Amino acid sequence: MNEETTPAQLELEPINDRDFVLCMLADFANRFSFQMGITLHTHGFLVSGVLISKTEFLEGVAAFVKTGLGPDAEGGLFDQLAANSRKGDELPKDEDKDYSAETRYLHLKNVQIMLPSQPAAPGNPTVWRMRIDQISGFTIGQFGTAPSA
């Protein structure tokens, strides 16, 4: 660190081509079940939805698989992954450790996708997973929701 660089400036540097703020938001979602509306800009289109934890994402995938296989279907792999994720969430965390540096994916629910010159595709109960290093920008908030005052 040189004299011209302050610690606050260093904290906002990208983490291996991943936006630090997105990594931090994803980490909050994973550790504290934090949720918020967010719109992501990536590869020429927008993805808008609610940021969720990886555990909620895996539970959503398990529910989707069960729906496709019928009411008697076992959740199988995705139920087990969600259970393991919940167990990991319950383990004591080192409060001094920065887990955001390990975060590589964002998970969303109630996703809407907008392509250039097209209206937004309606939201649905599906879940979405995206690599943070593939996101070129983001906006807090999602399509069709007014900010609360």
C-alpha atoms as a PDB file:
ATOM      1  CA  MET A   1       0.000   0.000   0.000  1.00  0.00           C
ATOM      2  CA  ASN A   2       1.500   3.358  -0.960  1.00  0.00           C
ATOM      3  CA  GLU A   3       0.842   6.752   0.631  1.00  0.00           C
ATOM      4  CA  GLU A   4      -1.757   7.660  -2.026  1.00  0.00           C
ATOM      5  CA  THR A   5      -3.933   4.571  -1.400  1.00  0.00           C
ATOM      6  CA  THR A   6      -6.179   4.476   1.655  1.00  0.00           C
ATOM      7  CA  PRO A   7      -7.505   1.275   3.265  1.00  0.00           C
ATOM      8  CA  ALA A   8     -11.060   2.256   2.232  1.00  0.00           C
ATOM      9  CA  GLN A   9      -9.976   2.330  -1.419  1.00  0.00           C
ATOM     10  CA  LEU A  10      -8.393  -1.098  -1.160  1.00  0.00           C
ATOM     11  CA  GLU A  11     -11.607  -2.679   0.160  1.00  0.00           C
ATOM     12  CA  LEU A  12     -13.526  -1.850  -3.030  1.00  0.00           C
ATOM     13  CA  GLU A  13     -11.059  -3.452  -5.413  1.00  0.00           C
ATOM     14  CA  PRO A  14     -12.407  -6.343  -7.520  1.00  0.00           C
ATOM     15  CA  ILE A  15     -11.803  -9.849  -6.195  1.00  0.00           C
ATOM     16  CA  ASN A  16     -10.365 -11.755  -9.171  1.00  0.00           C
ATOM     17  CA  ASP A  17     -12.691 -10.008 -11.675  1.00  0.00           C
ATOM     18  CA  ARG A  18     -15.660 -10.158  -9.277  1.00  0.00           C
ATOM     19  CA  ASP A  19     -17.322  -7.005  -8.015  1.00  0.00           C
ATOM     20  CA  PHE A  20     -16.607  -6.667  -4.302  1.00  0.00           C
ATOM     21  CA  VAL A  21     -20.044  -5.216  -3.517  1.00  0.00           C
ATOM     22  CA  LEU A  22     -21.821  -8.112  -5.260  1.00  0.00           C
ATOM     23  CA  CYS A  23     -19.612 -10.596  -3.414  1.00  0.00           C
ATOM     24  CA  MET A  24     -20.490  -8.887  -0.134  1.00  0.00           C
ATOM     25  CA  LEU A  25     -24.251  -8.893  -0.897  1.00  0.00           C
ATOM     26  CA  ALA A  26     -24.130 -12.576  -1.864  1.00  0.00           C
ATOM     27  CA  ASP A  27     -22.199 -13.346   1.310  1.00  0.00           C
ATOM     28  CA  PHE A  28     -24.845 -11.524   3.404  1.00  0.00           C
ATOM     29  CA  ALA A  29     -27.583 -13.501   1.642  1.00  0.00           C
ATOM     30  CA  ASN A  30     -25.785 -16.787   2.302  1.00  0.00           C
ATOM     31  CA  ARG A  31     -24.894 -16.111   5.934  1.00  0.00           C
ATOM     32  CA  PHE A  32     -27.936 -14.187   7.173  1.00  0.00           C
ATOM     33  CA  SER A  33     -30.756 -15.196   4.755  1.00  0.00           C
ATOM     34  CA  PHE A  34     -30.690 -11.571   3.602  1.00  0.00           C
ATOM     35  CA  GLN A  35     -33.013 -10.811   0.649  1.00  0.00           C
ATOM     36  CA  MET A  36     -33.314  -7.755  -1.580  1.00  0.00           C
ATOM     37  CA  GLY A  37     -34.433  -6.811  -5.072  1.00  0.00           C
ATOM     38  CA  ILE A  38     -31.611  -6.521  -7.591  1.00  0.00           C
ATOM     39  CA  THR A  39     -31.244  -6.114 -11.362  1.00  0.00           C
ATOM     40  CA  LEU A  40     -28.123  -7.510 -13.021  1.00  0.00           C
ATOM     41  CA  HIS A  41     -26.625  -6.369 -16.326  1.00  0.00           C
ATOM     42  CA  THR A  42     -24.906  -9.179 -18.215  1.00  0.00           C
ATOM     43  CA  HIS A  43     -24.050 -10.060 -21.813  1.00  0.00           C
ATOM     44  CA  GLY A  44     -26.475  -7.513 -23.271  1.00  0.00           C
ATOM     45  CA  PHE A  45     -29.546  -8.362 -21.210  1.00  0.00           C
ATOM     46  CA  LEU A  46     -30.984  -7.662 -17.773  1.00  0.00           C
ATOM     47  CA  VAL A  47     -31.924 -10.185 -15.103  1.00  0.00           C
ATOM     48  CA  SER A  48     -34.116  -8.869 -12.297  1.00  0.00           C
ATOM     49  CA  GLY A  49     -35.254 -10.661  -9.157  1.00  0.00           C
ATOM     50  CA  VAL A  50     -34.808 -11.109  -5.434  1.00  0.00           C
ATOM     51  CA  LEU A  51     -31.357 -11.994  -4.099  1.00  0.00           C
ATOM     52  CA  ILE A  52     -31.560 -15.158  -1.973  1.00  0.00           C
ATOM     53  CA  SER A  53     -29.189 -17.539  -0.190  1.00  0.00           C
ATOM     54  CA  LYS A  54     -27.637 -20.586  -1.796  1.00  0.00           C
ATOM     55  CA  THR A  55     -29.695 -22.722   0.614  1.00  0.00           C
ATOM     56  CA  GLU A  56     -32.972 -21.183  -0.579  1.00  0.00           C
ATOM     57  CA  PHE A  57     -31.771 -21.635  -4.176  1.00  0.00           C
ATOM     58  CA  LEU A  58     -31.104 -25.355  -3.608  1.00  0.00           C
ATOM     59  CA  GLU A  59     -34.488 -25.752  -1.899  1.00  0.00           C
ATOM     60  CA  GLY A  60     -36.103 -24.083  -4.924  1.00  0.00           C
ATOM     61  CA  VAL A  61     -34.324 -26.425  -7.324  1.00  0.00           C
ATOM     62  CA  ALA A  62     -35.383 -29.436  -5.225  1.00  0.00           C
ATOM     63  CA  ALA A  63     -39.024 -28.245  -5.275  1.00  0.00           C
ATOM     64  CA  PHE A  64     -38.864 -27.734  -9.056  1.00  0.00           C
ATOM     65  CA  VAL A  65     -37.429 -31.235  -9.582  1.00  0.00           C
ATOM     66  CA  LYS A  66     -40.126 -32.758  -7.336  1.00  0.00           C
ATOM     67  CA  THR A  67     -42.835 -30.913  -9.277  1.00  0.00           C
ATOM     68  CA  GLY A  68     -41.498 -32.308 -12.541  1.00  0.00           C
ATOM     69  CA  LEU A  69     -41.226 -35.856 -11.209  1.00  0.00           C
ATOM     70  CA  GLY A  70     -44.594 -35.944  -9.456  1.00  0.00           C
ATOM     71  CA  PRO A  71     -45.871 -35.788  -5.882  1.00  0.00           C
ATOM     72  CA  ASP A  72     -44.320 -39.121  -4.831  1.00  0.00           C
ATOM     73  CA  ALA A  73     -40.831 -38.159  -5.993  1.00  0.00           C
ATOM     74  CA  GLU A  74     -37.984 -37.913  -3.558  1.00  0.00           C
ATOM     75  CA  GLY A  75     -36.025 -34.658  -3.554  1.00  0.00           C
ATOM     76  CA  GLY A  76     -32.857 -36.674  -3.829  1.00  0.00           C
ATOM     77  CA  LEU A  77     -29.661 -34.871  -4.601  1.00  0.00           C
ATOM     78  CA  PHE A  78     -30.963 -31.301  -4.337  1.00  0.00           C
ATOM     79  CA  ASP A  79     -32.719 -31.966  -1.001  1.00  0.00           C
ATOM     80  CA  GLN A  80     -29.432 -33.371   0.292  1.00  0.00           C
ATOM     81  CA  LEU A  81     -27.474 -30.373  -1.023  1.00  0.00           C
ATOM     82  CA  ALA A  82     -29.942 -27.981   0.634  1.00  0.00           C
ATOM     83  CA  ALA A  83     -29.726 -29.932   3.908  1.00  0.00           C
ATOM     84  CA  ASN A  84     -25.935 -29.828   3.800  1.00  0.00           C
ATOM     85  CA  SER A  85     -26.042 -26.107   3.048  1.00  0.00           C
ATOM     86  CA  ARG A  86     -28.343 -25.528   6.050  1.00  0.00           C
ATOM     87  CA  LYS A  87     -25.924 -27.521   8.251  1.00  0.00           C
ATOM     88  CA  GLY A  88     -23.063 -25.354   7.001  1.00  0.00           C
ATOM     89  CA  ASP A  89     -25.087 -22.238   7.824  1.00  0.00           C
ATOM     90  CA  GLU A  90     -25.468 -23.474  11.401  1.00  0.00           C
ATOM     91  CA  LEU A  91     -21.735 -23.962  11.960  1.00  0.00           C
ATOM     92  CA  PRO A  92     -19.976 -21.247  13.976  1.00  0.00           C
ATOM     93  CA  LYS A  93     -18.452 -18.601  11.749  1.00  0.00           C
ATOM     94  CA  ASP A  94     -15.216 -16.748  12.327  1.00  0.00           C
ATOM     95  CA  GLU A  95     -16.485 -13.179  12.611  1.00  0.00           C
ATOM     96  CA  ASP A  96     -13.106 -11.800  11.560  1.00  0.00           C
ATOM     97  CA  LYS A  97     -13.004 -13.794   8.321  1.00  0.00           C
ATOM     98  CA  ASP A  98     -14.103 -12.177   5.050  1.00  0.00           C
ATOM     99  CA  TYR A  99     -16.262 -14.855   3.421  1.00  0.00           C
ATOM    100  CA  SER A 100     -17.125 -12.581   0.490  1.00  0.00           C
ATOM    101  CA  ALA A 101     -13.759 -13.435  -1.108  1.00  0.00           C
ATOM    102  CA  GLU A 102     -14.989 -17.049  -1.420  1.00  0.00           C
ATOM    103  CA  THR A 103     -18.362 -16.110  -2.919  1.00  0.00           C
ATOM    104  CA  ARG A 104     -18.599 -16.828  -6.636  1.00  0.00           C
ATOM    105  CA  TYR A 105     -22.345 -17.019  -7.382  1.00  0.00           C
ATOM    106  CA  LEU A 106     -25.474 -14.948  -6.916  1.00  0.00           C
ATOM    107  CA  HIS A 107     -28.823 -16.687  -6.444  1.00  0.00           C
ATOM    108  CA  LEU A 108     -32.156 -15.063  -7.339  1.00  0.00           C
ATOM    109  CA  LYS A 109     -35.850 -15.937  -7.156  1.00  0.00           C
ATOM    110  CA  ASN A 110     -38.884 -14.410  -8.936  1.00  0.00           C
ATOM    111  CA  VAL A 111     -36.679 -13.746 -11.949  1.00  0.00           C
ATOM    112  CA  GLN A 112     -37.579 -11.555 -14.913  1.00  0.00           C
ATOM    113  CA  ILE A 113     -35.362 -11.332 -18.000  1.00  0.00           C
ATOM    114  CA  MET A 114     -35.266  -8.377 -20.386  1.00  0.00           C
ATOM    115  CA  LEU A 115     -33.656  -8.555 -23.808  1.00  0.00           C
ATOM    116  CA  PRO A 116     -32.902  -5.438 -25.872  1.00  0.00           C
ATOM    117  CA  SER A 117     -36.025  -4.011 -27.578  1.00  0.00           C
ATOM    118  CA  GLN A 118     -38.268  -6.563 -25.837  1.00  0.00           C
ATOM    119  CA  PRO A 119     -40.678  -6.213 -22.925  1.00  0.00           C
ATOM    120  CA  ALA A 120     -39.657  -7.903 -19.688  1.00  0.00           C
ATOM    121  CA  ALA A 121     -40.572 -11.564 -19.551  1.00  0.00           C
ATOM    122  CA  PRO A 122     -43.038 -12.111 -16.705  1.00  0.00           C
ATOM    123  CA  GLY A 123     -41.586 -13.274 -13.412  1.00  0.00           C
ATOM    124  CA  ASN A 124     -42.160 -16.802 -12.290  1.00  0.00           C
ATOM    125  CA  PRO A 125     -41.330 -18.854  -9.225  1.00  0.00           C
ATOM    126  CA  THR A 126     -38.127 -20.216 -10.689  1.00  0.00           C
ATOM    127  CA  VAL A 127     -34.692 -19.633  -9.209  1.00  0.00           C
ATOM    128  CA  TRP A 128     -31.584 -18.388 -11.017  1.00  0.00           C
ATOM    129  CA  ARG A 129     -27.854 -18.889 -10.375  1.00  0.00           C
ATOM    130  CA  MET A 130     -25.222 -16.683 -11.979  1.00  0.00           C
ATOM    131  CA  ARG A 131     -21.454 -16.373 -11.717  1.00  0.00           C
ATOM    132  CA  ILE A 132     -20.530 -12.999 -10.250  1.00  0.00           C
ATOM    133  CA  ASP A 133     -17.614 -12.587 -12.666  1.00  0.00           C
ATOM    134  CA  GLN A 134     -20.112 -12.638 -15.576  1.00  0.00           C
ATOM    135  CA  ILE A 135     -21.996  -9.560 -14.309  1.00  0.00           C
ATOM    136  CA  SER A 136     -21.001  -6.236 -15.824  1.00  0.00           C
ATOM    137  CA  GLY A 137     -23.184  -4.029 -13.607  1.00  0.00           C
ATOM    138  CA  PHE A 138     -26.137  -4.004 -11.263  1.00  0.00           C
ATOM    139  CA  THR A 139     -28.905  -1.854  -9.855  1.00  0.00           C
ATOM    140  CA  ILE A 140     -30.493  -2.196  -6.439  1.00  0.00           C
ATOM    141  CA  GLY A 141     -34.196  -2.941  -6.926  1.00  0.00           C
ATOM    142  CA  GLN A 142     -36.104  -5.061  -9.398  1.00  0.00           C
ATOM    143  CA  PHE A 143     -38.498  -4.587 -12.313  1.00  0.00           C
ATOM    144  CA  GLY A 144     -42.056  -3.644 -11.438  1.00  0.00           C
ATOM    145  CA  THR A 145     -41.493  -2.809  -7.807  1.00  0.00           C
ATOM    146  CA  ALA A 146     -41.648   0.708  -6.448  1.00  0.00           C
ATOM    147  CA  PRO A 147     -39.192   1.577  -3.697  1.00  0.00           C
ATOM    148  CA  SER A 148     -40.757   1.708  -0.253  1.00  0.00           C
ATOM    149  CA  ALA A 149     -40.743   5.113   1.416  1.00  0.00           C
END
